[in-house]
Amino acid sequence: VDARNIDGSTPLCDACASGSVECVKVLLSHGAKVNPPLYTASPLHEACMNGSPECVQLLIEVGANLEAHDCHFGTPLHVACAREHLDCVKLLLQAGANVNAAKLHETALHHAAKVRNVDLVEMLVEFGGNIYARDNRGKKPSDYTWSSSPTAKCFEYYERIKIWDQTLENPKI
């Protein structure tokens, strides 16, 4: 059940890529490795790319590595954010995925800013996403937004809250 194709992918990866929940269940019931040693996308990455929350949930339940790094995409959370699959993002965060995990210093919040998705930004910040994290170019997530866009306004709001909270904690600021 873990034979590899020419790309090095496993049947479980392929089933997750196609969003075939029944196929994923059959493969898992026959002992498919949920965390096979791969250099590219894991089954969880594939499920997140496809936007299949059912597959994501199944993989989480059987112990999928939430922090698996793909050499191209980063973690499954990076993939789900870049593809704007909010259901998958929420499942990963609720399962304990590191909201501030980075690939080239780029966090999931950088991806959310790039796709200009306010709901995604809000969800990541609610789970502890660092709005001040800088990528390998020295840019914060807000630097990837247009100044008058709803996403930029969202980041401005969170920055004001942060400053306000710090002022309340230390009134001498």
N, C-alpha and C. Protein backbone atom coordinates (compact mmCIF):
# COMPACT_ATOMS: atom_id res chain seq x y z
N VAL A 1 0.81 -1.21 0.00
CA VAL A 1 0.00 0.00 0.00
C VAL A 1 0.85 1.27 0.00
N ASP A 2 2.16 1.12 0.18
CA ASP A 2 3.03 2.29 0.21
C ASP A 2 3.98 2.34 -0.99
N ALA A 3 3.64 1.60 -2.05
CA ALA A 3 4.47 1.64 -3.26
C ALA A 3 4.51 3.07 -3.79
N ARG A 4 5.63 3.42 -4.39
CA ARG A 4 5.78 4.79 -4.89
C ARG A 4 5.67 4.84 -6.41
N ASN A 5 5.10 5.93 -6.90
CA ASN A 5 5.05 6.11 -8.35
C ASN A 5 6.34 6.78 -8.81
N ILE A 6 6.41 7.13 -10.06
CA ILE A 6 7.63 7.70 -10.63
C ILE A 6 8.04 9.02 -9.97
N ASP A 7 7.06 9.74 -9.42
CA ASP A 7 7.34 11.00 -8.72
C ASP A 7 7.71 10.79 -7.27
N GLY A 8 7.66 9.54 -6.81
CA GLY A 8 7.98 9.24 -5.42
C GLY A 8 6.78 9.35 -4.50
N SER A 9 5.62 9.62 -5.05
CA SER A 9 4.39 9.77 -4.28
C SER A 9 3.80 8.40 -3.96
N THR A 10 3.05 8.32 -2.87
CA THR A 10 2.40 7.07 -2.47
C THR A 10 0.93 7.09 -2.86
N PRO A 11 0.27 5.91 -2.84
CA PRO A 11 -1.17 5.88 -3.12
C PRO A 11 -1.97 6.77 -2.16
N LEU A 12 -1.54 6.85 -0.90
CA LEU A 12 -2.25 7.70 0.05
C LEU A 12 -2.13 9.18 -0.35
N CYS A 13 -0.95 9.57 -0.80
CA CYS A 13 -0.78 10.95 -1.30
C CYS A 13 -1.72 11.21 -2.47
N ASP A 14 -1.78 10.26 -3.39
CA ASP A 14 -2.63 10.43 -4.57
C ASP A 14 -4.11 10.48 -4.19
N ALA A 15 -4.52 9.64 -3.24
CA ALA A 15 -5.92 9.64 -2.80
C ALA A 15 -6.27 10.98 -2.14
N CYS A 16 -5.34 11.51 -1.35
CA CYS A 16 -5.57 12.81 -0.71
C CYS A 16 -5.59 13.93 -1.74
N ALA A 17 -4.73 13.83 -2.74
CA ALA A 17 -4.69 14.84 -3.80
C ALA A 17 -6.00 14.89 -4.58
N SER A 18 -6.65 13.74 -4.70
CA SER A 18 -7.92 13.71 -5.44
C SER A 18 -9.12 13.94 -4.53
N GLY A 19 -8.88 13.97 -3.23
CA GLY A 19 -9.98 14.19 -2.28
C GLY A 19 -10.88 12.99 -2.09
N SER A 20 -10.37 11.81 -2.40
CA SER A 20 -11.17 10.58 -2.29
C SER A 20 -11.15 10.05 -0.85
N VAL A 21 -12.13 10.47 -0.07
CA VAL A 21 -12.20 10.11 1.34
C VAL A 21 -12.29 8.59 1.51
N GLU A 22 -13.11 7.94 0.71
CA GLU A 22 -13.26 6.48 0.82
C GLU A 22 -11.94 5.76 0.51
N CYS A 23 -11.23 6.23 -0.49
CA CYS A 23 -9.95 5.63 -0.83
C CYS A 23 -8.94 5.84 0.30
N VAL A 24 -8.95 7.03 0.90
CA VAL A 24 -8.06 7.31 2.04
C VAL A 24 -8.38 6.35 3.18
N LYS A 25 -9.66 6.15 3.47
CA LYS A 25 -10.06 5.23 4.54
C LYS A 25 -9.58 3.81 4.27
N VAL A 26 -9.75 3.35 3.04
CA VAL A 26 -9.32 1.99 2.68
C VAL A 26 -7.81 1.85 2.83
N LEU A 27 -7.07 2.81 2.31
CA LEU A 27 -5.61 2.75 2.40
C LEU A 27 -5.13 2.77 3.85
N LEU A 28 -5.72 3.63 4.66
CA LEU A 28 -5.34 3.68 6.07
C LEU A 28 -5.70 2.39 6.79
N SER A 29 -6.85 1.81 6.46
CA SER A 29 -7.25 0.55 7.11
C SER A 29 -6.34 -0.62 6.71
N HIS A 30 -5.64 -0.47 5.59
CA HIS A 30 -4.71 -1.51 5.14
C HIS A 30 -3.25 -1.17 5.49
N GLY A 31 -3.07 -0.20 6.37
CA GLY A 31 -1.74 0.08 6.89
C GLY A 31 -0.89 1.09 6.14
N ALA A 32 -1.50 1.90 5.30
CA ALA A 32 -0.71 2.93 4.60
C ALA A 32 -0.08 3.87 5.62
N LYS A 33 1.17 4.21 5.37
CA LYS A 33 1.88 5.12 6.28
C LYS A 33 1.36 6.54 6.10
N VAL A 34 0.92 7.12 7.21
CA VAL A 34 0.39 8.49 7.16
C VAL A 34 1.51 9.52 7.05
N ASN A 35 2.71 9.14 7.50
CA ASN A 35 3.88 10.02 7.43
C ASN A 35 5.03 9.32 6.70
N PRO A 36 4.85 9.00 5.43
CA PRO A 36 5.93 8.32 4.71
C PRO A 36 7.12 9.25 4.53
N PRO A 37 8.33 8.69 4.48
CA PRO A 37 9.51 9.56 4.27
C PRO A 37 9.53 10.07 2.83
N LEU A 38 9.15 11.32 2.67
CA LEU A 38 9.10 11.94 1.34
C LEU A 38 9.90 13.23 1.34
N TYR A 39 10.36 13.63 0.18
CA TYR A 39 11.06 14.91 0.05
C TYR A 39 10.10 16.01 -0.39
N THR A 40 8.96 15.58 -0.87
CA THR A 40 7.98 16.55 -1.33
C THR A 40 6.72 16.44 -0.48
N ALA A 41 5.58 16.69 -1.06
CA ALA A 41 4.32 16.78 -0.33
C ALA A 41 3.94 15.47 0.36
N SER A 42 3.55 15.59 1.63
CA SER A 42 3.03 14.46 2.40
C SER A 42 1.55 14.29 2.07
N PRO A 43 0.94 13.20 2.52
CA PRO A 43 -0.51 13.07 2.32
C PRO A 43 -1.28 14.28 2.88
N LEU A 44 -0.84 14.79 4.04
CA LEU A 44 -1.53 15.95 4.62
C LEU A 44 -1.36 17.19 3.75
N HIS A 45 -0.18 17.39 3.19
CA HIS A 45 0.02 18.50 2.24
C HIS A 45 -0.96 18.37 1.07
N GLU A 46 -1.06 17.16 0.53
CA GLU A 46 -1.93 16.92 -0.62
C GLU A 46 -3.39 17.21 -0.28
N ALA A 47 -3.83 16.76 0.90
CA ALA A 47 -5.22 17.02 1.31
C ALA A 47 -5.47 18.51 1.47
N CYS A 48 -4.47 19.23 1.97
CA CYS A 48 -4.61 20.69 2.13
C CYS A 48 -4.59 21.40 0.79
N MET A 49 -3.77 20.93 -0.14
CA MET A 49 -3.74 21.52 -1.48
C MET A 49 -5.08 21.35 -2.17
N ASN A 50 -5.66 20.16 -1.99
CA ASN A 50 -6.94 19.84 -2.63
C ASN A 50 -8.11 20.52 -1.94
N GLY A 51 -7.92 20.94 -0.69
CA GLY A 51 -9.02 21.55 0.06
C GLY A 51 -10.04 20.52 0.51
N SER A 52 -9.55 19.41 1.01
CA SER A 52 -10.43 18.33 1.47
C SER A 52 -10.41 18.22 2.99
N PRO A 53 -11.30 18.95 3.67
CA PRO A 53 -11.29 18.89 5.14
C PRO A 53 -11.55 17.48 5.68
N GLU A 54 -12.31 16.67 4.95
CA GLU A 54 -12.57 15.31 5.40
C GLU A 54 -11.28 14.50 5.43
N CYS A 55 -10.49 14.62 4.39
CA CYS A 55 -9.19 13.92 4.34
C CYS A 55 -8.25 14.47 5.40
N VAL A 56 -8.24 15.79 5.56
CA VAL A 56 -7.38 16.41 6.58
C VAL A 56 -7.74 15.86 7.95
N GLN A 57 -9.03 15.81 8.27
CA GLN A 57 -9.47 15.31 9.57
C GLN A 57 -9.06 13.86 9.78
N LEU A 58 -9.26 13.02 8.77
CA LEU A 58 -8.86 11.61 8.87
C LEU A 58 -7.36 11.49 9.15
N LEU A 59 -6.56 12.24 8.44
CA LEU A 59 -5.11 12.17 8.61
C LEU A 59 -4.69 12.66 9.99
N ILE A 60 -5.32 13.72 10.47
CA ILE A 60 -5.01 14.22 11.82
C ILE A 60 -5.33 13.14 12.85
N GLU A 61 -6.48 12.50 12.69
CA GLU A 61 -6.92 11.47 13.65
C GLU A 61 -5.96 10.29 13.73
N VAL A 62 -5.25 9.99 12.64
CA VAL A 62 -4.32 8.85 12.66
C VAL A 62 -2.87 9.29 12.86
N GLY A 63 -2.67 10.54 13.25
CA GLY A 63 -1.33 10.98 13.63
C GLY A 63 -0.48 11.63 12.57
N ALA A 64 -1.09 12.25 11.58
CA ALA A 64 -0.30 12.95 10.56
C ALA A 64 0.55 14.04 11.21
N ASN A 65 1.76 14.19 10.71
CA ASN A 65 2.68 15.20 11.22
C ASN A 65 2.24 16.58 10.74
N LEU A 66 1.75 17.39 11.66
CA LEU A 66 1.25 18.73 11.33
C LEU A 66 2.37 19.67 10.91
N GLU A 67 3.60 19.34 11.28
CA GLU A 67 4.73 20.24 11.00
C GLU A 67 5.64 19.71 9.89
N ALA A 68 5.18 18.72 9.15
CA ALA A 68 5.99 18.18 8.05
C ALA A 68 6.32 19.30 7.07
N HIS A 69 7.60 19.43 6.73
CA HIS A 69 8.04 20.47 5.80
C HIS A 69 8.28 19.88 4.42
N ASP A 70 7.61 20.41 3.46
CA ASP A 70 7.83 20.06 2.06
C ASP A 70 8.89 21.03 1.54
N CYS A 71 9.78 20.54 0.71
CA CYS A 71 10.87 21.40 0.24
C CYS A 71 10.38 22.58 -0.61
N HIS A 72 9.18 22.49 -1.14
CA HIS A 72 8.64 23.58 -1.96
C HIS A 72 7.61 24.43 -1.23
N PHE A 73 6.78 23.80 -0.40
CA PHE A 73 5.62 24.49 0.14
C PHE A 73 5.68 24.86 1.61
N GLY A 74 6.57 24.27 2.38
CA GLY A 74 6.55 24.51 3.82
C GLY A 74 5.65 23.49 4.49
N THR A 75 4.91 23.92 5.50
CA THR A 75 4.04 23.02 6.25
C THR A 75 2.66 22.89 5.59
N PRO A 76 1.88 21.90 6.02
CA PRO A 76 0.51 21.81 5.51
C PRO A 76 -0.29 23.10 5.75
N LEU A 77 -0.03 23.77 6.86
CA LEU A 77 -0.72 25.04 7.13
C LEU A 77 -0.37 26.09 6.08
N HIS A 78 0.89 26.16 5.68
CA HIS A 78 1.28 27.08 4.61
C HIS A 78 0.48 26.81 3.34
N VAL A 79 0.37 25.52 3.01
CA VAL A 79 -0.34 25.12 1.79
C VAL A 79 -1.82 25.50 1.87
N ALA A 80 -2.46 25.16 2.99
CA ALA A 80 -3.88 25.46 3.14
C ALA A 80 -4.14 26.96 3.08
N CYS A 81 -3.23 27.76 3.64
CA CYS A 81 -3.39 29.22 3.60
C CYS A 81 -3.18 29.76 2.19
N ALA A 82 -2.15 29.28 1.52
CA ALA A 82 -1.87 29.75 0.16
C ALA A 82 -3.02 29.43 -0.78
N ARG A 83 -3.70 28.31 -0.52
CA ARG A 83 -4.83 27.90 -1.37
C ARG A 83 -6.18 28.42 -0.84
N GLU A 84 -6.15 29.11 0.30
CA GLU A 84 -7.35 29.71 0.92
C GLU A 84 -8.40 28.67 1.31
N HIS A 85 -7.96 27.53 1.81
CA HIS A 85 -8.88 26.50 2.26
C HIS A 85 -9.09 26.66 3.77
N LEU A 86 -10.01 27.56 4.12
CA LEU A 86 -10.24 27.92 5.51
C LEU A 86 -10.65 26.75 6.40
N ASP A 87 -11.45 25.82 5.87
CA ASP A 87 -11.84 24.65 6.67
C ASP A 87 -10.62 23.83 7.06
N CYS A 88 -9.72 23.66 6.12
CA CYS A 88 -8.49 22.90 6.40
C CYS A 88 -7.61 23.65 7.38
N VAL A 89 -7.50 24.97 7.21
CA VAL A 89 -6.70 25.79 8.12
C VAL A 89 -7.22 25.65 9.54
N LYS A 90 -8.53 25.75 9.69
CA LYS A 90 -9.13 25.67 11.03
C LYS A 90 -8.85 24.32 11.68
N LEU A 91 -9.00 23.23 10.91
CA LEU A 91 -8.72 21.90 11.46
C LEU A 91 -7.26 21.77 11.91
N LEU A 92 -6.35 22.27 11.09
CA LEU A 92 -4.93 22.20 11.44
C LEU A 92 -4.63 22.99 12.71
N LEU A 93 -5.17 24.20 12.80
CA LEU A 93 -4.93 25.03 13.98
C LEU A 93 -5.55 24.42 15.23
N GLN A 94 -6.76 23.90 15.11
CA GLN A 94 -7.41 23.26 16.26
C GLN A 94 -6.65 22.02 16.71
N ALA A 95 -5.97 21.37 15.78
CA ALA A 95 -5.19 20.16 16.12
C ALA A 95 -3.82 20.51 16.69
N GLY A 96 -3.46 21.80 16.67
CA GLY A 96 -2.20 22.21 17.27
C GLY A 96 -1.09 22.57 16.31
N ALA A 97 -1.39 22.77 15.04
CA ALA A 97 -0.35 23.18 14.09
C ALA A 97 0.26 24.50 14.54
N ASN A 98 1.55 24.63 14.35
CA ASN A 98 2.27 25.85 14.74
C ASN A 98 1.91 26.98 13.78
N VAL A 99 1.15 27.94 14.27
CA VAL A 99 0.69 29.05 13.43
C VAL A 99 1.84 29.93 12.95
N ASN A 100 2.97 29.89 13.66
CA ASN A 100 4.11 30.73 13.29
C ASN A 100 5.26 29.94 12.67
N ALA A 101 5.01 28.71 12.26
CA ALA A 101 6.04 27.93 11.55
C ALA A 101 6.43 28.70 10.30
N ALA A 102 7.71 28.62 9.94
CA ALA A 102 8.19 29.42 8.82
C ALA A 102 8.96 28.60 7.79
N LYS A 103 8.81 29.01 6.55
CA LYS A 103 9.64 28.51 5.45
C LYS A 103 10.22 29.76 4.81
N LEU A 104 11.54 29.86 4.78
CA LEU A 104 12.22 31.09 4.36
C LEU A 104 11.70 32.27 5.18
N HIS A 105 11.47 32.00 6.44
CA HIS A 105 10.97 32.98 7.40
C HIS A 105 9.54 33.43 7.09
N GLU A 106 8.91 32.81 6.12
CA GLU A 106 7.55 33.19 5.73
C GLU A 106 6.55 32.33 6.50
N THR A 107 5.63 32.99 7.19
CA THR A 107 4.63 32.28 7.99
C THR A 107 3.32 32.15 7.21
N ALA A 108 2.39 31.42 7.79
CA ALA A 108 1.06 31.28 7.18
C ALA A 108 0.40 32.64 7.02
N LEU A 109 0.69 33.55 7.95
CA LEU A 109 0.12 34.90 7.87
C LEU A 109 0.64 35.67 6.65
N HIS A 110 1.87 35.42 6.25
CA HIS A 110 2.38 36.02 5.01
C HIS A 110 1.56 35.53 3.82
N HIS A 111 1.25 34.22 3.81
CA HIS A 111 0.44 33.67 2.73
C HIS A 111 -0.96 34.28 2.73
N ALA A 112 -1.54 34.42 3.91
CA ALA A 112 -2.89 35.01 4.01
C ALA A 112 -2.89 36.44 3.49
N ALA A 113 -1.83 37.18 3.79
CA ALA A 113 -1.73 38.57 3.30
C ALA A 113 -1.59 38.59 1.78
N LYS A 114 -0.80 37.67 1.25
CA LYS A 114 -0.59 37.64 -0.21
C LYS A 114 -1.86 37.31 -0.98
N VAL A 115 -2.72 36.47 -0.40
CA VAL A 115 -3.97 36.14 -1.09
C VAL A 115 -5.09 37.10 -0.69
N ARG A 116 -4.76 38.05 0.19
CA ARG A 116 -5.68 39.11 0.61
C ARG A 116 -7.00 38.58 1.15
N ASN A 117 -6.89 37.63 2.08
CA ASN A 117 -8.08 37.00 2.65
C ASN A 117 -8.23 37.42 4.11
N VAL A 118 -9.16 38.33 4.36
CA VAL A 118 -9.37 38.87 5.71
C VAL A 118 -9.78 37.78 6.69
N ASP A 119 -10.69 36.89 6.29
CA ASP A 119 -11.12 35.81 7.19
C ASP A 119 -9.95 34.94 7.61
N LEU A 120 -9.07 34.68 6.70
CA LEU A 120 -7.89 33.87 6.97
C LEU A 120 -6.94 34.61 7.92
N VAL A 121 -6.72 35.89 7.67
CA VAL A 121 -5.88 36.70 8.56
C VAL A 121 -6.45 36.68 9.97
N GLU A 122 -7.74 36.92 10.09
CA GLU A 122 -8.38 36.95 11.41
C GLU A 122 -8.22 35.61 12.14
N MET A 123 -8.44 34.51 11.43
CA MET A 123 -8.32 33.19 12.05
C MET A 123 -6.90 32.95 12.54
N LEU A 124 -5.91 33.27 11.72
CA LEU A 124 -4.52 33.05 12.11
C LEU A 124 -4.12 33.90 13.30
N VAL A 125 -4.56 35.15 13.33
CA VAL A 125 -4.24 36.03 14.45
C VAL A 125 -4.92 35.53 15.72
N GLU A 126 -6.17 35.07 15.61
CA GLU A 126 -6.88 34.52 16.77
C GLU A 126 -6.14 33.32 17.36
N PHE A 127 -5.43 32.57 16.53
CA PHE A 127 -4.67 31.41 17.00
C PHE A 127 -3.21 31.78 17.32
N GLY A 128 -2.92 33.07 17.40
CA GLY A 128 -1.59 33.51 17.83
C GLY A 128 -0.62 33.87 16.74
N GLY A 129 -1.10 34.05 15.52
CA GLY A 129 -0.22 34.44 14.41
C GLY A 129 0.49 35.76 14.69
N ASN A 130 1.78 35.80 14.45
CA ASN A 130 2.60 36.98 14.72
C ASN A 130 2.52 37.96 13.55
N ILE A 131 1.85 39.08 13.77
CA ILE A 131 1.69 40.08 12.71
C ILE A 131 2.99 40.82 12.41
N TYR A 132 3.98 40.65 13.27
CA TYR A 132 5.27 41.34 13.08
C TYR A 132 6.37 40.44 12.53
N ALA A 133 6.05 39.17 12.26
CA ALA A 133 7.05 38.24 11.73
C ALA A 133 7.57 38.75 10.40
N ARG A 134 8.87 38.64 10.20
CA ARG A 134 9.48 39.10 8.95
C ARG A 134 9.99 37.91 8.15
N ASP A 135 9.79 37.99 6.83
CA ASP A 135 10.25 36.92 5.96
C ASP A 135 11.70 37.16 5.56
N ASN A 136 12.22 36.36 4.62
CA ASN A 136 13.63 36.49 4.23
C ASN A 136 13.91 37.79 3.48
N ARG A 137 12.88 38.53 3.12
CA ARG A 137 13.06 39.85 2.49
C ARG A 137 12.89 40.98 3.50
N GLY A 138 12.67 40.61 4.75
CA GLY A 138 12.48 41.60 5.80
C GLY A 138 11.08 42.19 5.84
N LYS A 139 10.13 41.53 5.17
CA LYS A 139 8.77 42.06 5.10
C LYS A 139 7.85 41.39 6.11
N LYS A 140 6.99 42.22 6.72
CA LYS A 140 5.93 41.72 7.59
C LYS A 140 4.75 41.31 6.69
N PRO A 141 3.83 40.51 7.22
CA PRO A 141 2.66 40.15 6.41
C PRO A 141 1.92 41.37 5.85
N SER A 142 1.78 42.41 6.64
CA SER A 142 1.05 43.61 6.19
C SER A 142 1.74 44.28 5.00
N ASP A 143 3.03 44.05 4.83
CA ASP A 143 3.75 44.65 3.69
C ASP A 143 3.30 44.07 2.35
N TYR A 144 2.57 42.96 2.39
CA TYR A 144 2.08 42.34 1.16
C TYR A 144 0.65 42.76 0.81
N THR A 145 0.14 43.76 1.51
CA THR A 145 -1.22 44.23 1.24
C THR A 145 -1.17 45.61 0.61
N TRP A 146 -2.28 46.00 -0.03
CA TRP A 146 -2.40 47.36 -0.55
C TRP A 146 -2.90 48.24 0.57
N SER A 147 -2.43 49.45 0.63
CA SER A 147 -2.69 50.32 1.78
C SER A 147 -4.17 50.54 2.10
N SER A 148 -5.03 50.56 1.13
CA SER A 148 -6.44 50.82 1.42
C SER A 148 -7.31 49.55 1.35
N SER A 149 -6.67 48.40 1.22
CA SER A 149 -7.43 47.15 1.09
C SER A 149 -8.01 46.71 2.43
N PRO A 150 -9.06 45.90 2.41
CA PRO A 150 -9.61 45.37 3.65
C PRO A 150 -8.56 44.59 4.46
N THR A 151 -7.67 43.88 3.77
CA THR A 151 -6.64 43.12 4.47
C THR A 151 -5.68 44.06 5.20
N ALA A 152 -5.29 45.16 4.56
CA ALA A 152 -4.42 46.14 5.20
C ALA A 152 -5.10 46.74 6.42
N LYS A 153 -6.38 47.05 6.30
CA LYS A 153 -7.14 47.62 7.42
C LYS A 153 -7.19 46.62 8.58
N CYS A 154 -7.31 45.36 8.25
CA CYS A 154 -7.33 44.31 9.27
C CYS A 154 -6.00 44.30 10.04
N PHE A 155 -4.88 44.34 9.32
CA PHE A 155 -3.58 44.38 9.99
C PHE A 155 -3.42 45.65 10.82
N GLU A 156 -3.87 46.79 10.31
CA GLU A 156 -3.79 48.05 11.06
C GLU A 156 -4.56 47.92 12.37
N TYR A 157 -5.72 47.31 12.31
CA TYR A 157 -6.54 47.11 13.51
C TYR A 157 -5.78 46.28 14.54
N TYR A 158 -5.19 45.16 14.10
CA TYR A 158 -4.46 44.31 15.04
C TYR A 158 -3.22 45.02 15.59
N GLU A 159 -2.57 45.84 14.79
CA GLU A 159 -1.41 46.59 15.29
C GLU A 159 -1.84 47.62 16.33
N ARG A 160 -2.99 48.27 16.12
CA ARG A 160 -3.49 49.23 17.12
C ARG A 160 -3.85 48.53 18.41
N ILE A 161 -4.49 47.37 18.32
CA ILE A 161 -4.84 46.61 19.52
C ILE A 161 -3.58 46.25 20.29
N LYS A 162 -2.55 45.80 19.60
CA LYS A 162 -1.29 45.42 20.24
C LYS A 162 -0.69 46.61 20.99
N ILE A 163 -0.67 47.77 20.34
CA ILE A 163 -0.13 48.97 20.99
C ILE A 163 -0.98 49.35 22.19
N TRP A 164 -2.30 49.29 22.04
CA TRP A 164 -3.21 49.61 23.13
C TRP A 164 -3.00 48.66 24.31
N ASP A 165 -2.88 47.36 24.04
CA ASP A 165 -2.64 46.38 25.10
C ASP A 165 -1.33 46.66 25.83
N GLN A 166 -0.29 47.02 25.08
CA GLN A 166 1.00 47.33 25.70
C GLN A 166 0.90 48.58 26.57
N THR A 167 0.13 49.56 26.12
CA THR A 167 -0.05 50.80 26.89
C THR A 167 -0.78 50.51 28.19
N LEU A 168 -1.77 49.64 28.15
CA LEU A 168 -2.50 49.28 29.36
C LEU A 168 -1.60 48.54 30.35
N GLU A 169 -0.71 47.70 29.83
CA GLU A 169 0.20 46.95 30.69
C GLU A 169 1.28 47.85 31.29
N ASN A 170 1.70 48.86 30.54
CA ASN A 170 2.77 49.75 30.99
C ASN A 170 2.38 51.19 30.66
N PRO A 171 1.63 51.86 31.53
CA PRO A 171 1.11 53.20 31.23
C PRO A 171 2.18 54.25 30.95
N LYS A 172 3.44 53.98 31.22
CA LYS A 172 4.50 54.97 30.98
C LYS A 172 4.94 55.01 29.53
N ILE A 173 4.42 54.08 28.69
CA ILE A 173 4.80 54.05 27.28
C ILE A 173 4.27 55.28 26.58
